[in-house]
Amino acid sequence: MIGIFACLAAVAIDGDTLRCANVPEANGRVRLARVDTPERGQPGYDEATAALRAMIDGRTVTCRWVDADPRTAAIERHDPFGRRVAFCAVSGRDLSAEILRLSLGKPWP
């Protein structure tokens, strides 16, 4: 899978991860690019997850694959958990930027 794609039947796994029915790798999990949200059990996890869920619920999510780790010279296709990384948007609204705007995550890296 390369380039731009529709994330079919998108589901929020947490504040920075989606599951797309049409992505064969990593059980369909896609990591939002350049944002990091709290992990399960950490303060802010529920809020970030609920916000992402509300942003994508019933909407068309469009994504574009990017380098998983821009800190390295090589192009990384997957993050350490095997997920592809993408900028994703709903109605032209970048989901990573929205999470940051709402102060529910921090920029990564």
PDB file of N, CA and C in Angstrom:
ATOM      1  N   MET A   1       0.835  -1.178   0.000  1.00  0.00           N
ATOM      2  CA  MET A   1       0.000   0.000   0.000  1.00  0.00           C
ATOM      3  C   MET A   1       0.887   1.251   0.000  1.00  0.00           C
ATOM      4  N   ILE A   2       0.669   2.122  -0.945  1.00  0.00           N
ATOM      5  CA  ILE A   2       1.437   3.353  -1.007  1.00  0.00           C
ATOM      6  C   ILE A   2       0.517   4.537  -1.237  1.00  0.00           C
ATOM      7  N   GLY A   3       1.017   5.713  -0.892  1.00  0.00           N
ATOM      8  CA  GLY A   3       0.303   6.934  -1.213  1.00  0.00           C
ATOM      9  C   GLY A   3      -0.894   7.203  -0.344  1.00  0.00           C
ATOM     10  N   ILE A   4      -1.923   7.725  -0.983  1.00  0.00           N
ATOM     11  CA  ILE A   4      -3.136   8.147  -0.295  1.00  0.00           C
ATOM     12  C   ILE A   4      -4.175   7.033  -0.378  1.00  0.00           C
ATOM     13  N   PHE A   5      -4.892   6.825   0.722  1.00  0.00           N
ATOM     14  CA  PHE A   5      -5.912   5.779   0.743  1.00  0.00           C
ATOM     15  C   PHE A   5      -7.034   6.154   1.688  1.00  0.00           C
ATOM     16  N   ALA A   6      -8.193   5.558   1.476  1.00  0.00           N
ATOM     17  CA  ALA A   6      -9.316   5.713   2.402  1.00  0.00           C
ATOM     18  C   ALA A   6      -9.175   4.644   3.466  1.00  0.00           C
ATOM     19  N   CYS A   7      -9.257   5.043   4.717  1.00  0.00           N
ATOM     20  CA  CYS A   7      -9.231   4.110   5.844  1.00  0.00           C
ATOM     21  C   CYS A   7     -10.660   3.629   6.033  1.00  0.00           C
ATOM     22  N   LEU A   8     -10.936   2.421   5.590  1.00  0.00           N
ATOM     23  CA  LEU A   8     -12.300   1.897   5.630  1.00  0.00           C
ATOM     24  C   LEU A   8     -12.678   1.399   7.019  1.00  0.00           C
ATOM     25  N   ALA A   9     -13.919   1.693   7.413  1.00  0.00           N
ATOM     26  CA  ALA A   9     -14.462   1.285   8.711  1.00  0.00           C
ATOM     27  C   ALA A   9     -13.510   1.669   9.841  1.00  0.00           C
ATOM     28  N   ALA A  10     -13.062   2.917   9.840  1.00  0.00           N
ATOM     29  CA  ALA A  10     -12.088   3.405  10.823  1.00  0.00           C
ATOM     30  C   ALA A  10     -12.628   3.323  12.248  1.00  0.00           C
ATOM     31  N   VAL A  11     -11.761   2.847  13.140  1.00  0.00           N
ATOM     32  CA  VAL A  11     -12.073   2.737  14.562  1.00  0.00           C
ATOM     33  C   VAL A  11     -10.888   3.301  15.334  1.00  0.00           C
ATOM     34  N   ALA A  12     -11.152   4.108  16.359  1.00  0.00           N
ATOM     35  CA  ALA A  12     -10.086   4.636  17.213  1.00  0.00           C
ATOM     36  C   ALA A  12      -9.657   3.558  18.194  1.00  0.00           C
ATOM     37  N   ILE A  13      -8.370   3.227  18.181  1.00  0.00           N
ATOM     38  CA  ILE A  13      -7.814   2.258  19.128  1.00  0.00           C
ATOM     39  C   ILE A  13      -7.392   2.994  20.391  1.00  0.00           C
ATOM     40  N   ASP A  14      -6.757   4.134  20.207  1.00  0.00           N
ATOM     41  CA  ASP A  14      -6.414   5.047  21.290  1.00  0.00           C
ATOM     42  C   ASP A  14      -6.313   6.436  20.667  1.00  0.00           C
ATOM     43  N   GLY A  15      -5.699   7.374  21.328  1.00  0.00           N
ATOM     44  CA  GLY A  15      -5.677   8.744  20.833  1.00  0.00           C
ATOM     45  C   GLY A  15      -4.826   8.986  19.616  1.00  0.00           C
ATOM     46  N   ASP A  16      -3.928   8.052  19.285  1.00  0.00           N
ATOM     47  CA  ASP A  16      -3.074   8.245  18.104  1.00  0.00           C
ATOM     48  C   ASP A  16      -2.996   7.020  17.200  1.00  0.00           C
ATOM     49  N   THR A  17      -3.953   6.113  17.333  1.00  0.00           N
ATOM     50  CA  THR A  17      -3.960   4.911  16.498  1.00  0.00           C
ATOM     51  C   THR A  17      -5.371   4.593  16.019  1.00  0.00           C
ATOM     52  N   LEU A  18      -5.466   4.299  14.719  1.00  0.00           N
ATOM     53  CA  LEU A  18      -6.721   3.879  14.100  1.00  0.00           C
ATOM     54  C   LEU A  18      -6.610   2.422  13.691  1.00  0.00           C
ATOM     55  N   ARG A  19      -7.736   1.783  13.518  1.00  0.00           N
ATOM     56  CA  ARG A  19      -7.765   0.480  12.856  1.00  0.00           C
ATOM     57  C   ARG A  19      -8.573   0.681  11.579  1.00  0.00           C
ATOM     58  N   CYS A  20      -7.973   0.267  10.460  1.00  0.00           N
ATOM     59  CA  CYS A  20      -8.606   0.381   9.146  1.00  0.00           C
ATOM     60  C   CYS A  20      -8.862  -1.027   8.622  1.00  0.00           C
ATOM     61  N   ALA A  21     -10.080  -1.304   8.221  1.00  0.00           N
ATOM     62  CA  ALA A  21     -10.445  -2.643   7.754  1.00  0.00           C
ATOM     63  C   ALA A  21      -9.666  -3.059   6.515  1.00  0.00           C
ATOM     64  N   ASN A  22      -9.172  -2.107   5.745  1.00  0.00           N
ATOM     65  CA  ASN A  22      -8.496  -2.422   4.487  1.00  0.00           C
ATOM     66  C   ASN A  22      -6.972  -2.397   4.574  1.00  0.00           C
ATOM     67  N   VAL A  23      -6.416  -2.298   5.775  1.00  0.00           N
ATOM     68  CA  VAL A  23      -4.958  -2.320   5.933  1.00  0.00           C
ATOM     69  C   VAL A  23      -4.560  -3.709   6.433  1.00  0.00           C
ATOM     70  N   PRO A  24      -3.794  -4.444   5.620  1.00  0.00           N
ATOM     71  CA  PRO A  24      -3.474  -5.820   5.989  1.00  0.00           C
ATOM     72  C   PRO A  24      -2.410  -5.961   7.078  1.00  0.00           C
ATOM     73  N   GLU A  25      -1.559  -4.976   7.252  1.00  0.00           N
ATOM     74  CA  GLU A  25      -0.454  -5.065   8.208  1.00  0.00           C
ATOM     75  C   GLU A  25      -0.907  -4.710   9.617  1.00  0.00           C
ATOM     76  N   ALA A  26      -0.244  -5.278  10.597  1.00  0.00           N
ATOM     77  CA  ALA A  26      -0.441  -4.945  12.023  1.00  0.00           C
ATOM     78  C   ALA A  26      -1.906  -4.953  12.434  1.00  0.00           C
ATOM     79  N   ASN A  27      -2.652  -5.946  11.946  1.00  0.00           N
ATOM     80  CA  ASN A  27      -4.065  -6.070  12.296  1.00  0.00           C
ATOM     81  C   ASN A  27      -4.855  -4.801  11.967  1.00  0.00           C
ATOM     82  N   GLY A  28      -4.430  -4.106  10.907  1.00  0.00           N
ATOM     83  CA  GLY A  28      -5.140  -2.915  10.447  1.00  0.00           C
ATOM     84  C   GLY A  28      -4.793  -1.633  11.173  1.00  0.00           C
ATOM     85  N   ARG A  29      -3.861  -1.725  12.132  1.00  0.00           N
ATOM     86  CA  ARG A  29      -3.544  -0.530  12.924  1.00  0.00           C
ATOM     87  C   ARG A  29      -2.671   0.447  12.133  1.00  0.00           C
ATOM     88  N   VAL A  30      -3.051   1.727  12.203  1.00  0.00           N
ATOM     89  CA  VAL A  30      -2.329   2.818  11.556  1.00  0.00           C
ATOM     90  C   VAL A  30      -2.055   3.882  12.613  1.00  0.00           C
ATOM     91  N   ARG A  31      -0.809   4.246  12.758  1.00  0.00           N
ATOM     92  CA  ARG A  31      -0.385   5.243  13.752  1.00  0.00           C
ATOM     93  C   ARG A  31      -0.478   6.616  13.129  1.00  0.00           C
ATOM     94  N   LEU A  32      -1.124   7.568  13.807  1.00  0.00           N
ATOM     95  CA  LEU A  32      -1.158   8.945  13.323  1.00  0.00           C
ATOM     96  C   LEU A  32       0.242   9.533  13.374  1.00  0.00           C
ATOM     97  N   ALA A  33       0.624  10.219  12.324  1.00  0.00           N
ATOM     98  CA  ALA A  33       1.966  10.773  12.201  1.00  0.00           C
ATOM     99  C   ALA A  33       2.171  11.991  13.085  1.00  0.00           C
ATOM    100  N   ARG A  34       3.355  12.055  13.655  1.00  0.00           N
ATOM    101  CA  ARG A  34       3.901  13.230  14.340  1.00  0.00           C
ATOM    102  C   ARG A  34       3.128  13.693  15.558  1.00  0.00           C
ATOM    103  N   VAL A  35       2.439  12.764  16.218  1.00  0.00           N
ATOM    104  CA  VAL A  35       1.744  13.072  17.460  1.00  0.00           C
ATOM    105  C   VAL A  35       1.859  11.865  18.382  1.00  0.00           C
ATOM    106  N   ASP A  36       1.903  12.121  19.694  1.00  0.00           N
ATOM    107  CA  ASP A  36       1.954  11.058  20.689  1.00  0.00           C
ATOM    108  C   ASP A  36       0.943  11.388  21.771  1.00  0.00           C
ATOM    109  N   THR A  37       0.081  10.440  22.082  1.00  0.00           N
ATOM    110  CA  THR A  37      -0.925  10.643  23.129  1.00  0.00           C
ATOM    111  C   THR A  37      -0.672   9.670  24.279  1.00  0.00           C
ATOM    112  N   PRO A  38      -1.278   9.925  25.432  1.00  0.00           N
ATOM    113  CA  PRO A  38      -1.061   9.043  26.582  1.00  0.00           C
ATOM    114  C   PRO A  38      -1.474   7.602  26.305  1.00  0.00           C
ATOM    115  N   GLU A  39      -0.752   6.689  26.908  1.00  0.00           N
ATOM    116  CA  GLU A  39      -1.038   5.258  26.792  1.00  0.00           C
ATOM    117  C   GLU A  39      -2.101   4.857  27.817  1.00  0.00           C
ATOM    118  N   ARG A  40      -2.706   3.705  27.597  1.00  0.00           N
ATOM    119  CA  ARG A  40      -3.729   3.190  28.518  1.00  0.00           C
ATOM    120  C   ARG A  40      -3.186   3.224  29.949  1.00  0.00           C
ATOM    121  N   GLY A  41      -4.002   3.719  30.860  1.00  0.00           N
ATOM    122  CA  GLY A  41      -3.612   3.812  32.257  1.00  0.00           C
ATOM    123  C   GLY A  41      -2.951   5.136  32.625  1.00  0.00           C
ATOM    124  N   GLN A  42      -2.592   5.937  31.631  1.00  0.00           N
ATOM    125  CA  GLN A  42      -1.979   7.240  31.894  1.00  0.00           C
ATOM    126  C   GLN A  42      -3.050   8.329  31.876  1.00  0.00           C
ATOM    127  N   PRO A  43      -2.827   9.413  32.630  1.00  0.00           N
ATOM    128  CA  PRO A  43      -3.776  10.528  32.595  1.00  0.00           C
ATOM    129  C   PRO A  43      -3.921  11.070  31.173  1.00  0.00           C
ATOM    130  N   GLY A  44      -5.151  11.297  30.763  1.00  0.00           N
ATOM    131  CA  GLY A  44      -5.427  11.846  29.441  1.00  0.00           C
ATOM    132  C   GLY A  44      -5.742  10.802  28.377  1.00  0.00           C
ATOM    133  N   TYR A  45      -5.510   9.515  28.684  1.00  0.00           N
ATOM    134  CA  TYR A  45      -5.764   8.447  27.706  1.00  0.00           C
ATOM    135  C   TYR A  45      -7.229   8.444  27.259  1.00  0.00           C
ATOM    136  N   ASP A  46      -8.139   8.420  28.221  1.00  0.00           N
ATOM    137  CA  ASP A  46      -9.562   8.338  27.881  1.00  0.00           C
ATOM    138  C   ASP A  46     -10.007   9.541  27.063  1.00  0.00           C
ATOM    139  N   GLU A  47      -9.536  10.734  27.421  1.00  0.00           N
ATOM    140  CA  GLU A  47      -9.926  11.947  26.713  1.00  0.00           C
ATOM    141  C   GLU A  47      -9.421  11.954  25.276  1.00  0.00           C
ATOM    142  N   ALA A  48      -8.159  11.557  25.085  1.00  0.00           N
ATOM    143  CA  ALA A  48      -7.580  11.532  23.736  1.00  0.00           C
ATOM    144  C   ALA A  48      -8.285  10.498  22.866  1.00  0.00           C
ATOM    145  N   THR A  49      -8.550   9.327  23.428  1.00  0.00           N
ATOM    146  CA  THR A  49      -9.224   8.269  22.680  1.00  0.00           C
ATOM    147  C   THR A  49     -10.641   8.699  22.304  1.00  0.00           C
ATOM    148  N   ALA A  50     -11.359   9.295  23.253  1.00  0.00           N
ATOM    149  CA  ALA A  50     -12.728   9.745  22.983  1.00  0.00           C
ATOM    150  C   ALA A  50     -12.744  10.850  21.920  1.00  0.00           C
ATOM    151  N   ALA A  51     -11.761  11.733  21.964  1.00  0.00           N
ATOM    152  CA  ALA A  51     -11.704  12.815  20.976  1.00  0.00           C
ATOM    153  C   ALA A  51     -11.469  12.261  19.576  1.00  0.00           C
ATOM    154  N   LEU A  52     -10.528  11.325  19.436  1.00  0.00           N
ATOM    155  CA  LEU A  52     -10.278  10.733  18.123  1.00  0.00           C
ATOM    156  C   LEU A  52     -11.511   9.977  17.652  1.00  0.00           C
ATOM    157  N   ARG A  53     -12.134   9.246  18.546  1.00  0.00           N
ATOM    158  CA  ARG A  53     -13.350   8.501  18.193  1.00  0.00           C
ATOM    159  C   ARG A  53     -14.430   9.460  17.678  1.00  0.00           C
ATOM    160  N   ALA A  54     -14.615  10.577  18.352  1.00  0.00           N
ATOM    161  CA  ALA A  54     -15.622  11.558  17.936  1.00  0.00           C
ATOM    162  C   ALA A  54     -15.280  12.181  16.584  1.00  0.00           C
ATOM    163  N   MET A  55     -14.001  12.395  16.319  1.00  0.00           N
ATOM    164  CA  MET A  55     -13.584  12.992  15.048  1.00  0.00           C
ATOM    165  C   MET A  55     -13.833  12.078  13.862  1.00  0.00           C
ATOM    166  N   ILE A  56     -13.708  10.762  14.058  1.00  0.00           N
ATOM    167  CA  ILE A  56     -13.804   9.834  12.925  1.00  0.00           C
ATOM    168  C   ILE A  56     -15.137   9.115  12.834  1.00  0.00           C
ATOM    169  N   ASP A  57     -15.921   9.117  13.887  1.00  0.00           N
ATOM    170  CA  ASP A  57     -17.142   8.319  13.951  1.00  0.00           C
ATOM    171  C   ASP A  57     -18.062   8.558  12.746  1.00  0.00           C
ATOM    172  N   GLY A  58     -18.240   7.514  11.939  1.00  0.00           N
ATOM    173  CA  GLY A  58     -19.142   7.568  10.810  1.00  0.00           C
ATOM    174  C   GLY A  58     -18.670   8.425   9.647  1.00  0.00           C
ATOM    175  N   ARG A  59     -17.428   8.863   9.678  1.00  0.00           N
ATOM    176  CA  ARG A  59     -16.919   9.755   8.637  1.00  0.00           C
ATOM    177  C   ARG A  59     -15.890   9.036   7.766  1.00  0.00           C
ATOM    178  N   THR A  60     -15.660   9.611   6.595  1.00  0.00           N
ATOM    179  CA  THR A  60     -14.626   9.103   5.709  1.00  0.00           C
ATOM    180  C   THR A  60     -13.274   9.620   6.173  1.00  0.00           C
ATOM    181  N   VAL A  61     -12.334   8.716   6.411  1.00  0.00           N
ATOM    182  CA  VAL A  61     -10.986   9.073   6.840  1.00  0.00           C
ATOM    183  C   VAL A  61     -10.045   8.812   5.665  1.00  0.00           C
ATOM    184  N   THR A  62      -9.315   9.854   5.285  1.00  0.00           N
ATOM    185  CA  THR A  62      -8.339   9.747   4.202  1.00  0.00           C
ATOM    186  C   THR A  62      -6.949   9.846   4.805  1.00  0.00           C
ATOM    187  N   CYS A  63      -6.052   8.945   4.396  1.00  0.00           N
ATOM    188  CA  CYS A  63      -4.716   8.908   4.969  1.00  0.00           C
ATOM    189  C   CYS A  63      -3.642   8.934   3.880  1.00  0.00           C
ATOM    190  N   ARG A  64      -2.452   9.380   4.285  1.00  0.00           N
ATOM    191  CA  ARG A  64      -1.281   9.388   3.403  1.00  0.00           C
ATOM    192  C   ARG A  64      -0.103   8.831   4.179  1.00  0.00           C
ATOM    193  N   TRP A  65       0.464   7.724   3.686  1.00  0.00           N
ATOM    194  CA  TRP A  65       1.615   7.104   4.339  1.00  0.00           C
ATOM    195  C   TRP A  65       2.783   8.074   4.385  1.00  0.00           C
ATOM    196  N   VAL A  66       3.536   8.033   5.486  1.00  0.00           N
ATOM    197  CA  VAL A  66       4.752   8.835   5.635  1.00  0.00           C
ATOM    198  C   VAL A  66       5.839   7.983   6.282  1.00  0.00           C
ATOM    199  N   ASP A  67       7.041   8.540   6.328  1.00  0.00           N
ATOM    200  CA  ASP A  67       8.172   7.894   6.993  1.00  0.00           C
ATOM    201  C   ASP A  67       7.826   7.716   8.470  1.00  0.00           C
ATOM    202  N   ALA A  68       7.961   6.499   8.971  1.00  0.00           N
ATOM    203  CA  ALA A  68       7.595   6.202  10.360  1.00  0.00           C
ATOM    204  C   ALA A  68       8.491   6.910  11.372  1.00  0.00           C
ATOM    205  N   ASP A  69       9.751   7.175  11.008  1.00  0.00           N
ATOM    206  CA  ASP A  69      10.667   7.840  11.939  1.00  0.00           C
ATOM    207  C   ASP A  69      11.554   8.830  11.180  1.00  0.00           C
ATOM    208  N   PRO A  70      11.127  10.082  11.103  1.00  0.00           N
ATOM    209  CA  PRO A  70      11.886  11.075  10.339  1.00  0.00           C
ATOM    210  C   PRO A  70      13.248  11.418  10.956  1.00  0.00           C
ATOM    211  N   ARG A  71      13.538  10.886  12.137  1.00  0.00           N
ATOM    212  CA  ARG A  71      14.833  11.173  12.767  1.00  0.00           C
ATOM    213  C   ARG A  71      15.961  10.377  12.133  1.00  0.00           C
ATOM    214  N   THR A  72      15.630   9.328  11.378  1.00  0.00           N
ATOM    215  CA  THR A  72      16.662   8.494  10.772  1.00  0.00           C
ATOM    216  C   THR A  72      16.817   8.837   9.293  1.00  0.00           C
ATOM    217  N   ALA A  73      17.988   8.550   8.748  1.00  0.00           N
ATOM    218  CA  ALA A  73      18.255   8.840   7.339  1.00  0.00           C
ATOM    219  C   ALA A  73      17.478   7.886   6.420  1.00  0.00           C
ATOM    220  N   ALA A  74      17.283   6.666   6.852  1.00  0.00           N
ATOM    221  CA  ALA A  74      16.566   5.681   6.043  1.00  0.00           C
ATOM    222  C   ALA A  74      15.060   5.912   6.154  1.00  0.00           C
ATOM    223  N   ILE A  75      14.346   5.506   5.130  1.00  0.00           N
ATOM    224  CA  ILE A  75      12.883   5.564   5.173  1.00  0.00           C
ATOM    225  C   ILE A  75      12.391   4.332   5.927  1.00  0.00           C
ATOM    226  N   GLU A  76      11.678   4.578   7.011  1.00  0.00           N
ATOM    227  CA  GLU A  76      11.139   3.493   7.830  1.00  0.00           C
ATOM    228  C   GLU A  76       9.672   3.279   7.451  1.00  0.00           C
ATOM    229  N   ARG A  77       9.335   2.079   7.008  1.00  0.00           N
ATOM    230  CA  ARG A  77       7.953   1.788   6.604  1.00  0.00           C
ATOM    231  C   ARG A  77       7.032   1.514   7.795  1.00  0.00           C
ATOM    232  N   HIS A  78       7.605   1.063   8.931  1.00  0.00           N
ATOM    233  CA  HIS A  78       6.799   0.687  10.090  1.00  0.00           C
ATOM    234  C   HIS A  78       7.406   1.264  11.363  1.00  0.00           C
ATOM    235  N   ASP A  79       6.553   1.483  12.361  1.00  0.00           N
ATOM    236  CA  ASP A  79       7.058   1.886  13.671  1.00  0.00           C
ATOM    237  C   ASP A  79       7.521   0.629  14.415  1.00  0.00           C
ATOM    238  N   PRO A  80       8.057   0.764  15.631  1.00  0.00           N
ATOM    239  CA  PRO A  80       8.544  -0.426  16.358  1.00  0.00           C
ATOM    240  C   PRO A  80       7.478  -1.488  16.638  1.00  0.00           C
ATOM    241  N   PHE A  81       6.197  -1.126  16.518  1.00  0.00           N
ATOM    242  CA  PHE A  81       5.111  -2.071  16.771  1.00  0.00           C
ATOM    243  C   PHE A  81       4.542  -2.650  15.476  1.00  0.00           C
ATOM    244  N   GLY A  82       5.203  -2.389  14.361  1.00  0.00           N
ATOM    245  CA  GLY A  82       4.775  -2.940  13.083  1.00  0.00           C
ATOM    246  C   GLY A  82       3.687  -2.165  12.372  1.00  0.00           C
ATOM    247  N   ARG A  83       3.299  -1.029  12.938  1.00  0.00           N
ATOM    248  CA  ARG A  83       2.243  -0.220  12.331  1.00  0.00           C
ATOM    249  C   ARG A  83       2.814   0.682  11.245  1.00  0.00           C
ATOM    250  N   ARG A  84       2.049   0.900  10.191  1.00  0.00           N
ATOM    251  CA  ARG A  84       2.376   1.940   9.228  1.00  0.00           C
ATOM    252  C   ARG A  84       1.982   3.267   9.855  1.00  0.00           C
ATOM    253  N   VAL A  85       2.618   4.335   9.428  1.00  0.00           N
ATOM    254  CA  VAL A  85       2.375   5.673   9.981  1.00  0.00           C
ATOM    255  C   VAL A  85       1.824   6.557   8.872  1.00  0.00           C
ATOM    256  N   ALA A  86       0.800   7.349   9.199  1.00  0.00           N
ATOM    257  CA  ALA A  86       0.162   8.169   8.178  1.00  0.00           C
ATOM    258  C   ALA A  86      -0.391   9.460   8.761  1.00  0.00           C
ATOM    259  N   PHE A  87      -0.432  10.473   7.914  1.00  0.00           N
ATOM    260  CA  PHE A  87      -1.233  11.653   8.209  1.00  0.00           C
ATOM    261  C   PHE A  87      -2.638  11.299   7.761  1.00  0.00           C
ATOM    262  N   CYS A  88      -3.617  11.460   8.642  1.00  0.00           N
ATOM    263  CA  CYS A  88      -5.003  11.128   8.327  1.00  0.00           C
ATOM    264  C   CYS A  88      -5.872  12.359   8.557  1.00  0.00           C
ATOM    265  N   ALA A  89      -6.920  12.463   7.756  1.00  0.00           N
ATOM    266  CA  ALA A  89      -7.792  13.628   7.835  1.00  0.00           C
ATOM    267  C   ALA A  89      -9.245  13.219   7.629  1.00  0.00           C
ATOM    268  N   VAL A  90     -10.130  14.047   8.173  1.00  0.00           N
ATOM    269  CA  VAL A  90     -11.562  13.926   7.958  1.00  0.00           C
ATOM    270  C   VAL A  90     -12.035  15.282   7.458  1.00  0.00           C
ATOM    271  N   SER A  91     -12.664  15.302   6.310  1.00  0.00           N
ATOM    272  CA  SER A  91     -13.128  16.554   5.694  1.00  0.00           C
ATOM    273  C   SER A  91     -12.013  17.591   5.629  1.00  0.00           C
ATOM    274  N   GLY A  92     -10.811  17.127   5.307  1.00  0.00           N
ATOM    275  CA  GLY A  92      -9.664  18.023   5.179  1.00  0.00           C
ATOM    276  C   GLY A  92      -9.031  18.441   6.488  1.00  0.00           C
ATOM    277  N   ARG A  93      -9.561  17.985   7.615  1.00  0.00           N
ATOM    278  CA  ARG A  93      -9.047  18.346   8.937  1.00  0.00           C
ATOM    279  C   ARG A  93      -8.048  17.288   9.391  1.00  0.00           C
ATOM    280  N   ASP A  94      -6.782  17.677   9.541  1.00  0.00           N
ATOM    281  CA  ASP A  94      -5.713  16.761   9.936  1.00  0.00           C
ATOM    282  C   ASP A  94      -5.936  16.296  11.375  1.00  0.00           C
ATOM    283  N   LEU A  95      -6.050  14.985  11.564  1.00  0.00           N
ATOM    284  CA  LEU A  95      -6.350  14.439  12.890  1.00  0.00           C
ATOM    285  C   LEU A  95      -5.214  14.662  13.885  1.00  0.00           C
ATOM    286  N   SER A  96      -3.970  14.537  13.433  1.00  0.00           N
ATOM    287  CA  SER A  96      -2.824  14.783  14.324  1.00  0.00           C
ATOM    288  C   SER A  96      -2.840  16.222  14.810  1.00  0.00           C
ATOM    289  N   ALA A  97      -3.057  17.154  13.881  1.00  0.00           N
ATOM    290  CA  ALA A  97      -3.088  18.575  14.242  1.00  0.00           C
ATOM    291  C   ALA A  97      -4.229  18.880  15.207  1.00  0.00           C
ATOM    292  N   GLU A  98      -5.364  18.219  15.019  1.00  0.00           N
ATOM    293  CA  GLU A  98      -6.504  18.431  15.914  1.00  0.00           C
ATOM    294  C   GLU A  98      -6.212  17.928  17.318  1.00  0.00           C
ATOM    295  N   ILE A  99      -5.578  16.764  17.431  1.00  0.00           N
ATOM    296  CA  ILE A  99      -5.208  16.231  18.743  1.00  0.00           C
ATOM    297  C   ILE A  99      -4.270  17.217  19.444  1.00  0.00           C
ATOM    298  N   LEU A 100      -3.307  17.766  18.708  1.00  0.00           N
ATOM    299  CA  LEU A 100      -2.385  18.744  19.285  1.00  0.00           C
ATOM    300  C   LEU A 100      -3.115  20.028  19.659  1.00  0.00           C
ATOM    301  N   ARG A 101      -3.995  20.506  18.781  1.00  0.00           N
ATOM    302  CA  ARG A 101      -4.742  21.747  19.044  1.00  0.00           C
ATOM    303  C   ARG A 101      -5.575  21.617  20.315  1.00  0.00           C
ATOM    304  N   LEU A 102      -6.105  20.428  20.558  1.00  0.00           N
ATOM    305  CA  LEU A 102      -6.921  20.184  21.749  1.00  0.00           C
ATOM    306  C   LEU A 102      -6.080  19.890  22.992  1.00  0.00           C
ATOM    307  N   SER A 103      -4.762  19.923  22.850  1.00  0.00           N
ATOM    308  CA  SER A 103      -3.820  19.643  23.943  1.00  0.00           C
ATOM    309  C   SER A 103      -4.016  18.244  24.530  1.00  0.00           C
ATOM    310  N   LEU A 104      -4.331  17.281  23.659  1.00  0.00           N
ATOM    311  CA  LEU A 104      -4.534  15.906  24.105  1.00  0.00           C
ATOM    312  C   LEU A 104      -3.330  15.017  23.817  1.00  0.00           C
ATOM    313  N   GLY A 105      -2.323  15.592  23.202  1.00  0.00           N
ATOM    314  CA  GLY A 105      -1.101  14.863  22.889  1.00  0.00           C
ATOM    315  C   GLY A 105       0.028  15.855  22.727  1.00  0.00           C
ATOM    316  N   LYS A 106       1.209  15.317  22.397  1.00  0.00           N
ATOM    317  CA  LYS A 106       2.364  16.178  22.185  1.00  0.00           C
ATOM    318  C   LYS A 106       2.987  15.838  20.838  1.00  0.00           C
ATOM    319  N   PRO A 107       3.713  16.772  20.267  1.00  0.00           N
ATOM    320  CA  PRO A 107       4.366  16.495  18.978  1.00  0.00           C
ATOM    321  C   PRO A 107       5.387  15.367  19.123  1.00  0.00           C
ATOM    322  N   TRP A 108       5.458  14.545  18.080  1.00  0.00           N
ATOM    323  CA  TRP A 108       6.466  13.489  18.047  1.00  0.00           C
ATOM    324  C   TRP A 108       7.093  13.468  16.662  1.00  0.00           C
ATOM    325  N   PRO A 109       8.350  13.372  16.477  1.00  0.00           N
ATOM    326  CA  PRO A 109       9.400  13.343  17.505  1.00  0.00           C
ATOM    327  C   PRO A 109       9.672  14.725  18.037  1.00  0.00           C
TER     328      PRO A 109
END
